[in-house]
Amino acid sequence: MGLQRTWAKGRGRPDIVAPVRISEVMTQGVVTADVGDSLKHVGELMRDRNVGSVVICDGGRPVGVITDRDLALVVVADEVDAETRAGDHASHPLVTGEVEMHLEEAVAIMIQHRIRRLPVTQGDGLVGIVTIDDLAVRAGDLHQAQQITAEVAKAALPEFYFHQRGG
């Protein structure tokens, strides 16, 4: 997936192009909130910015992530007060990718850590975010895109895929 292939006219074989870096597919406008902001504020950011996750920062440094699913489980299902600090409910430790990382490495990290969103850093600073959907679309191959998405889903929900039914 990290290598792009293009067909050279008249040669009948693909030319190999340089590996694709995560910086080429990441979204640079990352929605962030401070650790002290409320869960309600995080939910409002998701609604207003039409995103499914917010990176939680402490002094400008990314330290966690809250997803729309996290909010549904914490605020609604567990009845946690929406005014509670976001930092107390962010996913820790934060798993990140480096801006110069190849796409194949990003996919491997996402599968290993069972995550669909990977904040991208350069040093201590947040410079972007890449989602499993971004990687699947970039693959340019529907079958490969489905495989990537399925691998992350399987890693995130192993009991669903491997559950022994009926005893």
Foldseek 3Di string as FASTA:
>chain_A
DQWDWDDDPPPPGTDTDHGDFPLVQFAQPAAEDEQQAFLLVQVVCCVVVVHFKHFYDHPQFTAFMDGVVLCCCVCPVVVDDRRDGPNVRGDPRAAAAERGHGLVVVLVSLLVVLHQKHFYAHVRHTGGMDGLQSSLVVVVDVVVSVVSVVSSVCSNCVCVVPPDPDD
